[in-house]
Protein backbone atom coordinates (compact mmCIF):
# COMPACT_ATOMS: atom_id res chain seq x y z
CA MET A 1 16.34 4.28 -11.50
CA ASP A 2 14.29 1.24 -10.51
CA VAL A 3 14.61 0.30 -6.85
CA ILE A 4 12.74 -2.99 -7.42
CA GLN A 5 12.61 -5.08 -10.58
CA VAL A 6 10.56 -8.29 -10.70
CA ASP A 7 10.77 -10.54 -13.77
CA HIS A 8 8.47 -13.54 -14.23
CA ILE A 9 8.54 -14.57 -10.58
CA ARG A 10 6.89 -17.86 -9.72
CA LYS A 11 6.66 -19.35 -6.22
CA ARG A 12 5.32 -22.84 -5.63
CA PHE A 13 4.62 -24.41 -2.24
CA GLU A 14 4.34 -28.21 -2.53
CA LYS A 15 1.51 -28.66 -5.06
CA LYS A 16 0.18 -25.08 -5.14
CA ASP A 17 1.44 -21.93 -6.85
CA ALA A 18 1.31 -18.84 -4.64
CA LEU A 19 2.66 -16.71 -7.52
CA THR A 20 2.46 -17.85 -11.13
CA ASP A 21 4.09 -15.18 -13.32
CA VAL A 22 4.60 -11.75 -11.75
CA SER A 23 6.53 -8.91 -13.40
CA PHE A 24 6.73 -5.20 -12.54
CA SER A 25 9.22 -2.49 -11.60
CA ILE A 26 9.18 0.30 -9.00
CA PRO A 27 11.19 3.47 -9.64
CA LYS A 28 12.88 5.37 -6.84
CA GLY A 29 10.52 7.59 -4.87
CA GLU A 30 7.28 5.84 -5.79
CA ILE A 31 4.58 4.61 -3.42
CA PHE A 32 3.50 1.34 -5.00
CA GLY A 33 0.37 -0.46 -3.82
CA PHE A 34 0.16 -4.24 -4.12
CA LEU A 35 -3.50 -5.20 -3.75
CA GLY A 36 -5.16 -8.58 -3.61
CA PRO A 37 -7.51 -10.83 -1.61
CA SER A 38 -6.20 -12.72 1.40
CA GLY A 39 -4.03 -15.62 0.28
CA SER A 40 -3.35 -14.13 -3.14
CA GLY A 41 0.43 -14.00 -2.64
CA LYS A 42 1.07 -10.43 -1.46
CA THR A 43 3.03 -11.37 1.66
CA THR A 44 4.86 -14.12 -0.25
CA LEU A 45 6.22 -11.52 -2.66
CA ILE A 46 7.46 -9.31 0.18
CA LYS A 47 9.28 -12.33 1.63
CA LEU A 48 10.87 -13.01 -1.76
CA LEU A 49 12.02 -9.40 -2.07
CA THR A 50 13.51 -9.40 1.43
CA ALA A 51 15.38 -12.73 1.13
CA GLN A 52 13.07 -14.62 3.47
CA LEU A 53 12.10 -16.95 0.60
CA ASN A 54 13.61 -17.98 -2.72
CA PRO A 55 11.56 -18.03 -5.94
CA THR A 56 10.77 -21.25 -7.76
CA SER A 57 11.64 -19.48 -11.01
CA GLY A 58 12.15 -15.97 -12.32
CA GLN A 59 14.27 -13.29 -10.71
CA ALA A 60 13.98 -10.11 -8.68
CA THR A 61 16.44 -7.34 -7.90
CA VAL A 62 16.40 -4.74 -5.14
CA PHE A 63 18.84 -1.81 -5.37
CA ASN A 64 20.17 -3.49 -8.55
CA GLU A 65 21.27 -6.51 -6.52
CA PRO A 66 19.64 -9.97 -6.50
CA ALA A 67 16.88 -10.03 -3.89
CA ALA A 68 18.66 -12.98 -2.24
CA MET A 69 21.36 -10.47 -1.14
CA MET A 70 18.92 -8.53 1.05
CA HIS A 71 19.82 -10.66 4.08
CA GLN A 72 23.28 -9.04 4.20
CA SER A 73 23.84 -6.42 6.91
CA ALA A 74 24.74 -3.64 4.47
CA GLN A 75 21.49 -4.13 2.57
CA LYS A 76 19.36 -4.49 5.71
CA MET A 77 20.43 -0.97 6.64
CA ARG A 78 18.79 0.29 3.45
CA PHE A 79 15.26 -1.05 3.94
CA GLY A 80 12.63 -1.39 6.63
CA ILE A 81 9.80 -3.90 6.88
CA LEU A 82 6.51 -4.16 8.72
CA SER A 83 4.93 -7.59 8.29
CA ASP A 84 2.80 -10.11 10.14
CA ASN A 85 5.92 -11.68 11.62
CA SER A 86 7.62 -8.48 12.77
CA GLY A 87 8.66 -9.25 16.33
CA LEU A 88 8.64 -7.22 19.55
CA TYR A 89 10.02 -8.03 22.99
CA GLU A 90 6.82 -8.36 25.02
CA ARG A 91 8.31 -7.71 28.46
CA LEU A 92 10.19 -4.60 27.38
CA SER A 93 8.66 -1.15 27.11
CA ILE A 94 8.09 0.66 23.83
CA ASP A 95 11.14 2.78 24.63
CA GLU A 96 13.29 -0.26 25.33
CA ASN A 97 12.26 -2.00 22.12
CA LEU A 98 13.15 1.08 20.10
CA GLU A 99 16.45 1.45 21.94
CA LEU A 100 17.51 -1.94 20.60
CA TYR A 101 16.86 -0.76 17.04
CA ARG A 102 18.55 2.58 17.71
CA GLN A 103 21.71 0.79 18.81
CA LEU A 104 21.49 -1.69 15.93
CA TYR A 105 21.51 1.16 13.41
CA ASP A 106 23.88 3.34 15.49
CA LEU A 107 21.42 6.25 15.53
CA PRO A 108 21.32 9.33 17.79
CA LYS A 109 19.08 9.13 20.87
CA THR A 110 16.79 11.78 19.36
CA SER A 111 15.72 9.25 16.71
CA ILE A 112 13.44 7.54 19.26
CA ASP A 113 11.64 10.80 20.07
CA THR A 114 11.19 11.51 16.37
CA VAL A 115 9.75 8.11 15.50
CA LEU A 116 7.43 8.06 18.53
CA GLN A 117 5.91 11.34 17.33
CA PHE A 118 5.55 9.78 13.87
CA VAL A 119 3.42 6.89 15.21
CA ASN A 120 1.65 9.00 17.85
CA LEU A 121 2.99 7.08 20.88
CA SER A 122 5.08 9.66 22.71
CA GLU A 123 2.82 9.59 25.78
CA GLU A 124 2.82 5.76 26.00
CA ARG A 125 6.56 5.19 25.57
CA LYS A 126 7.07 3.64 29.03
CA LYS A 127 4.32 1.02 28.62
CA LYS A 128 5.37 -2.61 28.27
CA VAL A 129 4.47 -4.21 24.95
CA ILE A 130 2.61 -7.05 26.68
CA HIS A 131 -0.01 -4.53 27.86
CA LEU A 132 -0.57 -2.85 24.48
CA SER A 133 -3.62 -3.17 22.26
CA LYS A 134 -3.25 -4.69 18.80
CA GLY A 135 -3.35 -1.25 17.21
CA MET A 136 -0.63 0.11 19.50
CA ARG A 137 1.58 -2.92 18.78
CA GLN A 138 1.09 -2.24 15.07
CA ARG A 139 2.35 1.31 15.57
CA VAL A 140 5.37 0.16 17.58
CA MET A 141 6.30 -2.33 14.83
CA LEU A 142 5.99 0.47 12.28
CA ALA A 143 8.26 2.66 14.43
CA CYS A 144 10.88 -0.12 14.46
CA ALA A 145 10.66 -0.37 10.67
CA ILE A 146 11.21 3.33 10.00
CA ILE A 147 13.45 4.50 12.85
CA HIS A 148 16.48 4.53 10.51
CA GLU A 149 14.60 6.37 7.73
CA PRO A 150 15.21 3.62 5.16
CA GLU A 151 15.57 4.12 1.42
CA LEU A 152 12.92 1.44 0.86
CA LEU A 153 10.02 0.54 3.10
CA PHE A 154 7.92 -2.64 2.87
CA LEU A 155 4.53 -2.30 4.58
CA ASP A 156 2.24 -5.32 4.83
CA GLU A 157 -1.24 -4.06 5.87
CA PRO A 158 0.24 -1.19 7.96
CA THR A 159 -3.08 0.24 9.21
CA SER A 160 -5.18 -2.94 9.44
CA ALA A 161 -5.51 -2.67 13.24
CA LEU A 162 -5.72 1.11 13.52
CA ASP A 163 -8.64 3.45 14.10
CA PRO A 164 -9.31 6.24 11.57
CA VAL A 165 -7.51 8.91 13.64
CA ASN A 166 -4.27 6.96 13.91
CA SER A 167 -4.55 5.75 10.30
CA THR A 168 -4.70 9.38 9.16
CA HIS A 169 -1.71 10.21 11.37
CA ILE A 170 0.31 7.35 9.85
CA HIS A 171 -0.72 8.31 6.31
CA LYS A 172 0.62 11.83 6.86
CA GLY A 173 3.86 10.41 8.20
CA LEU A 174 4.27 8.04 5.26
CA ARG A 175 3.75 10.86 2.78
CA TYR A 176 6.39 12.87 4.67
CA LEU A 177 8.85 9.95 4.48
CA ASN A 178 8.13 9.56 0.79
CA GLU A 179 8.70 13.27 0.15
CA LYS A 180 12.12 12.85 1.78
CA GLY A 181 12.94 10.11 -0.73
CA THR A 182 11.77 6.80 0.75
CA THR A 183 10.32 4.37 -1.80
CA ILE A 184 7.32 2.52 -0.33
CA PHE A 185 5.96 -0.92 -1.25
CA LEU A 186 2.53 -1.22 0.36
CA THR A 187 0.05 -4.08 0.60
CA THR A 188 -3.43 -3.21 1.79
CA HIS A 189 -7.07 -4.30 1.74
CA ASP A 190 -8.15 -0.68 2.19
CA MET A 191 -8.96 0.70 -1.25
CA SER A 192 -9.37 4.26 0.06
CA GLU A 193 -5.88 3.99 1.58
CA ALA A 194 -4.48 2.85 -1.76
CA GLU A 195 -6.21 5.71 -3.60
CA LEU A 196 -4.94 8.21 -1.05
CA LEU A 197 -1.31 7.11 -0.88
CA CYS A 198 -0.27 5.23 -4.01
CA ASP A 199 1.23 6.58 -7.20
CA ARG A 200 0.52 3.22 -8.85
CA VAL A 201 -1.18 0.00 -7.81
CA ALA A 202 -1.08 -3.59 -9.02
CA ILE A 203 -4.03 -5.90 -8.39
CA LEU A 204 -2.97 -9.49 -7.76
CA TYR A 205 -5.37 -12.39 -8.21
CA GLN A 206 -4.74 -16.13 -8.50
CA GLY A 207 -1.00 -15.56 -8.45
CA ALA A 208 -0.82 -13.06 -11.32
CA ILE A 209 -1.20 -9.31 -11.79
CA GLN A 210 -4.59 -8.57 -13.34
CA ALA A 211 -4.29 -4.77 -13.55
CA ILE A 212 -1.54 -2.20 -12.98
CA GLY A 213 -1.39 1.58 -13.24
CA SER A 214 -2.16 4.77 -11.38
CA PRO A 215 -5.55 4.82 -9.61
CA LYS A 216 -6.60 7.62 -11.97
CA ALA A 217 -5.59 5.67 -15.08
CA LEU A 218 -7.34 2.51 -13.89
CA ARG A 219 -10.55 4.42 -13.14
CA LYS A 220 -10.44 5.94 -16.62
CA GLN A 221 -9.76 2.54 -18.21
CA HIS A 222 -12.72 0.88 -16.49
CA ARG A 223 -15.27 3.69 -16.56
CA GLU A 224 -18.52 3.26 -18.48
CA ASN A 225 -19.21 5.38 -21.55
CA VAL A 226 -22.16 7.13 -19.94
CA ILE A 227 -22.81 10.36 -18.10
CA CYS A 228 -24.95 10.60 -14.95
CA VAL A 229 -27.36 13.50 -14.58
CA GLU A 230 -29.44 14.46 -11.55
CA LEU A 231 -32.08 17.12 -12.07
CA VAL A 232 -33.33 19.57 -9.46
CA ASN A 233 -36.59 17.59 -9.25
CA GLU A 234 -34.46 14.55 -8.16
CA GLU A 235 -34.91 12.67 -11.43
CA ASN A 236 -31.78 10.70 -12.36
CA TYR A 237 -30.53 9.68 -15.81
CA GLU A 238 -27.64 7.62 -17.17
CA LEU A 239 -27.12 8.75 -20.75
CA PRO A 240 -24.70 7.56 -23.46
CA ILE A 241 -21.97 10.03 -24.36
CA ASN A 242 -22.99 11.23 -27.82
CA GLU A 243 -24.19 14.32 -29.66
CA GLY A 244 -27.81 13.79 -28.68
CA THR A 245 -26.92 13.67 -24.98
CA ALA A 246 -24.85 16.85 -25.32
CA GLU A 247 -27.87 18.65 -26.81
CA GLN A 248 -30.17 17.37 -24.06
CA ILE A 249 -27.76 18.46 -21.32
CA ALA A 250 -27.32 21.88 -22.93
CA ASP A 251 -31.12 22.32 -22.93
CA TRP A 252 -31.40 21.29 -19.25
CA MET A 253 -28.59 23.70 -18.35
CA LYS A 254 -30.26 26.62 -20.13
CA ARG A 255 -33.40 25.94 -18.09
CA GLY A 256 -31.45 25.61 -14.81
CA LEU A 257 -32.63 22.04 -14.25
CA ILE A 258 -29.32 20.28 -13.54
CA GLU A 259 -28.42 19.55 -9.91
CA ARG A 260 -25.46 17.22 -10.54
CA LEU A 261 -23.49 16.09 -13.59
CA GLU A 262 -20.70 13.48 -13.57
CA SER A 263 -19.13 10.64 -15.53
CA LYS A 264 -19.78 7.10 -14.30
CA GLU A 265 -16.26 6.39 -13.10
CA PRO A 266 -15.66 3.39 -10.84
CA SER A 267 -13.78 3.58 -7.55
CA LEU A 268 -10.61 1.58 -7.06
CA GLY A 269 -12.69 -0.75 -4.91
CA ASP A 270 -15.12 -1.31 -7.80
CA ILE A 271 -12.21 -2.16 -10.10
CA PHE A 272 -10.69 -4.49 -7.50
CA ILE A 273 -13.96 -6.40 -7.17
CA LYS A 274 -14.36 -6.58 -10.95
CA VAL A 275 -10.91 -8.05 -11.68
CA THR A 276 -10.88 -10.43 -8.70
CA GLY A 277 -14.37 -11.77 -9.26
CA GLY A 278 -15.84 -10.09 -6.21
CA GLU A 279 -13.20 -11.02 -3.60
CA LEU A 280 -12.47 -7.92 -1.53
CA LEU A 281 -11.17 -9.80 1.54
């Protein structure tokens, strides 16, 4: 079953298209990465899917209902969202902010303890939000988005302000949520994060999807038809994949001369740069 279905979505602001013609679907249980340079329309699409904006044309469904229905209370219970406009009450503590969400979703008191462990903030729970660093605020907003263990989670740059230790902690938590059944729609600039977490990714550029597939499939699609060889004497070769190369490699192997042998497969970051014309940020 598809949790999200997007068909030929276009969104125009005044005289500029943010999205031109975007189509894709996300089945239940998938972690889907939506990648693109700043200003490419990633956040706009999240707002369309969560009923914060209406499309200029095309249609989108979430849980087999029009995306415009996501503002209803019953649907809000089913998804969580972390975005650049997720709000916190600055003069309340972390605990007090989460208590508001706990009451909103009618959750047991233990849910706050659980989610604070998830975002690695158990020791700081009494601190007021106004005194938190940007990275800590990011983790509190994530806690608010997942406290009710939603069926669908929208994450807009979830680890952009986090250090590597806390990013790793959040990644483990997101995989755990996903294993329990949460479908995740993730935007990120971090290509290693996308490779680590995502079952599939779509690369958005100039308002349209330029590439879509699993990271493995995209790497295979864009790899060069050569093989890289490093010999023990530190000589390096890039050889075409053909019968002559196979014979040469077999000879080197018999003589124990090969140090390293690998295909020339691009990283997801290489593919991103290629299809967006070099715009990584």
